[in-house]
Amino acid sequence: MKTQERGSYDYRSDGQVTCIRWNDNAVVTLASNHTAVKPMQTARRRVKAVKAKEVSQPHIVHKYNKGMGC
């Protein structure tokens, strides 16, 4: 997964639990029985060559980041 482009993801679901791996600066792994992968969101990430880059972000990661620290 680390060799893939930033913003790439892979997921598996058994119909009740969804597990997802998303490539950001590092590989992020999440599991949920409530939130799914889609709809996809966009996130702005800093990259060395350019100031900011838009990358695709699964919905589960977006919801986690939004609720983190509350």
N, C-alpha and C. Protein backbone atom coordinates (compact mmCIF):
# COMPACT_ATOMS: atom_id res chain seq x y z
N MET A 1 0.83 -1.20 0.00
CA MET A 1 0.00 0.00 0.00
C MET A 1 0.86 1.26 0.00
N LYS A 2 2.01 1.24 0.68
CA LYS A 2 2.87 2.42 0.75
C LYS A 2 3.40 2.83 -0.61
N THR A 3 3.50 1.90 -1.55
CA THR A 3 4.05 2.23 -2.85
C THR A 3 3.01 2.90 -3.76
N GLN A 4 1.75 2.88 -3.36
CA GLN A 4 0.70 3.48 -4.18
C GLN A 4 0.65 4.99 -3.96
N GLU A 5 -0.05 5.67 -4.83
CA GLU A 5 -0.17 7.11 -4.79
C GLU A 5 -0.94 7.57 -3.56
N ARG A 6 -0.61 8.75 -3.07
CA ARG A 6 -1.30 9.32 -1.92
C ARG A 6 -2.78 9.52 -2.25
N GLY A 7 -3.65 9.11 -1.35
CA GLY A 7 -5.09 9.20 -1.57
C GLY A 7 -5.71 7.89 -2.04
N SER A 8 -4.88 6.90 -2.37
CA SER A 8 -5.42 5.61 -2.79
C SER A 8 -5.94 4.85 -1.57
N TYR A 9 -6.88 3.95 -1.81
CA TYR A 9 -7.47 3.20 -0.70
C TYR A 9 -7.89 1.82 -1.17
N ASP A 10 -8.10 0.95 -0.19
CA ASP A 10 -8.60 -0.39 -0.43
C ASP A 10 -9.50 -0.74 0.74
N TYR A 11 -10.60 -1.43 0.48
CA TYR A 11 -11.49 -1.78 1.57
C TYR A 11 -12.11 -3.15 1.34
N ARG A 12 -12.57 -3.73 2.44
CA ARG A 12 -13.28 -5.00 2.43
C ARG A 12 -14.46 -4.86 3.38
N SER A 13 -15.56 -5.52 3.03
CA SER A 13 -16.75 -5.47 3.87
C SER A 13 -17.46 -6.82 3.83
N ASP A 14 -17.97 -7.23 4.99
CA ASP A 14 -18.76 -8.45 5.04
C ASP A 14 -20.25 -8.14 5.13
N GLY A 15 -20.62 -6.88 4.91
CA GLY A 15 -22.01 -6.46 4.99
C GLY A 15 -22.35 -5.82 6.32
N GLN A 16 -21.58 -6.10 7.35
CA GLN A 16 -21.81 -5.50 8.67
C GLN A 16 -20.65 -4.61 9.08
N VAL A 17 -19.44 -5.05 8.86
CA VAL A 17 -18.25 -4.29 9.24
C VAL A 17 -17.44 -3.98 7.99
N THR A 18 -17.00 -2.73 7.89
CA THR A 18 -16.16 -2.30 6.77
C THR A 18 -14.77 -1.96 7.30
N CYS A 19 -13.75 -2.55 6.71
CA CYS A 19 -12.36 -2.25 7.04
C CYS A 19 -11.73 -1.56 5.85
N ILE A 20 -11.00 -0.49 6.11
CA ILE A 20 -10.41 0.29 5.03
C ILE A 20 -8.97 0.66 5.36
N ARG A 21 -8.13 0.67 4.31
CA ARG A 21 -6.75 1.16 4.41
C ARG A 21 -6.63 2.29 3.42
N TRP A 22 -6.19 3.45 3.90
CA TRP A 22 -6.06 4.65 3.10
C TRP A 22 -4.64 5.15 3.18
N ASN A 23 -4.07 5.51 2.05
CA ASN A 23 -2.69 5.96 2.00
C ASN A 23 -2.64 7.48 2.08
N ASP A 24 -2.13 8.00 3.20
CA ASP A 24 -1.90 9.43 3.39
C ASP A 24 -0.38 9.59 3.53
N ASN A 25 0.12 10.30 4.51
CA ASN A 25 1.57 10.30 4.79
C ASN A 25 2.01 8.90 5.17
N ALA A 26 1.16 8.21 5.87
CA ALA A 26 1.37 6.82 6.25
C ALA A 26 0.07 6.08 5.92
N VAL A 27 0.10 4.78 6.01
CA VAL A 27 -1.10 4.00 5.75
C VAL A 27 -1.99 4.06 6.99
N VAL A 28 -3.23 4.46 6.81
CA VAL A 28 -4.21 4.58 7.89
C VAL A 28 -5.20 3.43 7.75
N THR A 29 -5.44 2.70 8.84
CA THR A 29 -6.37 1.58 8.83
C THR A 29 -7.51 1.87 9.80
N LEU A 30 -8.74 1.75 9.31
CA LEU A 30 -9.92 1.99 10.13
C LEU A 30 -10.95 0.89 9.89
N ALA A 31 -11.80 0.66 10.88
CA ALA A 31 -12.90 -0.29 10.76
C ALA A 31 -14.15 0.36 11.36
N SER A 32 -15.30 0.11 10.76
CA SER A 32 -16.54 0.69 11.26
C SER A 32 -17.72 -0.21 10.92
N ASN A 33 -18.70 -0.21 11.81
CA ASN A 33 -19.95 -0.90 11.51
C ASN A 33 -21.06 0.12 11.28
N HIS A 34 -20.69 1.39 11.21
CA HIS A 34 -21.67 2.46 11.05
C HIS A 34 -21.47 3.26 9.75
N THR A 35 -20.23 3.62 9.44
CA THR A 35 -19.94 4.50 8.32
C THR A 35 -19.30 3.72 7.18
N ALA A 36 -19.64 4.07 5.97
CA ALA A 36 -19.12 3.38 4.79
C ALA A 36 -18.01 4.19 4.13
N VAL A 37 -17.50 3.67 3.03
CA VAL A 37 -16.42 4.31 2.29
C VAL A 37 -16.94 5.48 1.47
N LYS A 38 -18.06 5.31 0.83
CA LYS A 38 -18.60 6.34 -0.05
C LYS A 38 -19.68 7.11 0.66
N PRO A 39 -19.90 8.37 0.42
CA PRO A 39 -19.37 9.18 -0.66
C PRO A 39 -17.94 9.63 -0.38
N MET A 40 -17.15 9.74 -1.42
CA MET A 40 -15.77 10.16 -1.29
C MET A 40 -15.72 11.66 -1.02
N GLN A 41 -14.78 12.06 -0.20
CA GLN A 41 -14.54 13.46 0.13
C GLN A 41 -13.22 13.87 -0.51
N THR A 42 -12.90 15.15 -0.45
CA THR A 42 -11.58 15.61 -0.87
C THR A 42 -10.91 16.26 0.32
N ALA A 43 -9.62 16.11 0.40
CA ALA A 43 -8.85 16.69 1.50
C ALA A 43 -7.64 17.40 0.90
N ARG A 44 -7.27 18.51 1.50
CA ARG A 44 -6.08 19.23 1.06
C ARG A 44 -4.90 18.76 1.89
N ARG A 45 -3.86 18.33 1.23
CA ARG A 45 -2.67 17.83 1.89
C ARG A 45 -1.46 18.57 1.36
N ARG A 46 -0.52 18.89 2.24
CA ARG A 46 0.72 19.53 1.83
C ARG A 46 1.65 18.51 1.21
N VAL A 47 2.26 18.91 0.13
CA VAL A 47 3.22 18.08 -0.58
C VAL A 47 4.48 18.91 -0.76
N LYS A 48 5.64 18.29 -0.74
CA LYS A 48 6.91 19.01 -0.82
C LYS A 48 7.01 19.90 -2.05
N ALA A 49 6.66 19.39 -3.22
CA ALA A 49 6.86 20.13 -4.47
C ALA A 49 5.88 21.29 -4.63
N VAL A 50 4.65 21.13 -4.16
CA VAL A 50 3.62 22.17 -4.29
C VAL A 50 3.06 22.48 -2.91
N LYS A 51 2.39 23.61 -2.79
CA LYS A 51 1.87 24.02 -1.49
C LYS A 51 0.77 23.10 -0.98
N ALA A 52 -0.21 22.81 -1.82
CA ALA A 52 -1.32 21.96 -1.40
C ALA A 52 -1.81 21.12 -2.57
N LYS A 53 -2.28 19.95 -2.26
CA LYS A 53 -2.78 19.04 -3.28
C LYS A 53 -4.10 18.47 -2.79
N GLU A 54 -5.06 18.35 -3.68
CA GLU A 54 -6.35 17.73 -3.36
C GLU A 54 -6.22 16.23 -3.55
N VAL A 55 -6.54 15.46 -2.52
CA VAL A 55 -6.53 14.00 -2.62
C VAL A 55 -7.90 13.47 -2.22
N SER A 56 -8.26 12.33 -2.75
CA SER A 56 -9.54 11.72 -2.38
C SER A 56 -9.43 11.11 -0.99
N GLN A 57 -10.51 11.21 -0.25
CA GLN A 57 -10.54 10.73 1.13
C GLN A 57 -11.85 9.99 1.35
N PRO A 58 -11.81 8.75 1.80
CA PRO A 58 -13.04 8.01 2.09
C PRO A 58 -13.86 8.69 3.19
N HIS A 59 -15.15 8.51 3.13
CA HIS A 59 -16.07 9.14 4.08
C HIS A 59 -15.76 8.76 5.53
N ILE A 60 -15.37 7.53 5.77
CA ILE A 60 -15.07 7.06 7.12
C ILE A 60 -13.89 7.84 7.73
N VAL A 61 -12.90 8.18 6.92
CA VAL A 61 -11.75 8.96 7.40
C VAL A 61 -12.18 10.38 7.69
N HIS A 62 -13.01 10.95 6.83
CA HIS A 62 -13.52 12.30 7.03
C HIS A 62 -14.31 12.40 8.34
N LYS A 63 -15.19 11.45 8.58
CA LYS A 63 -15.99 11.45 9.81
C LYS A 63 -15.10 11.28 11.05
N TYR A 64 -14.08 10.45 10.96
CA TYR A 64 -13.17 10.26 12.09
C TYR A 64 -12.44 11.55 12.40
N ASN A 65 -11.89 12.21 11.37
CA ASN A 65 -11.16 13.46 11.58
C ASN A 65 -12.06 14.55 12.11
N LYS A 66 -13.31 14.60 11.65
CA LYS A 66 -14.26 15.62 12.11
C LYS A 66 -14.60 15.43 13.59
N GLY A 67 -14.74 14.20 14.06
CA GLY A 67 -15.12 13.94 15.43
C GLY A 67 -13.96 13.79 16.40
N MET A 68 -12.74 13.76 15.89
CA MET A 68 -11.57 13.58 16.74
C MET A 68 -11.38 14.78 17.65
N GLY A 69 -11.17 14.55 18.91
CA GLY A 69 -10.91 15.62 19.86
C GLY A 69 -12.16 16.28 20.42
N CYS A 70 -13.33 15.74 20.16
CA CYS A 70 -14.56 16.34 20.70
C CYS A 70 -14.87 15.80 22.06
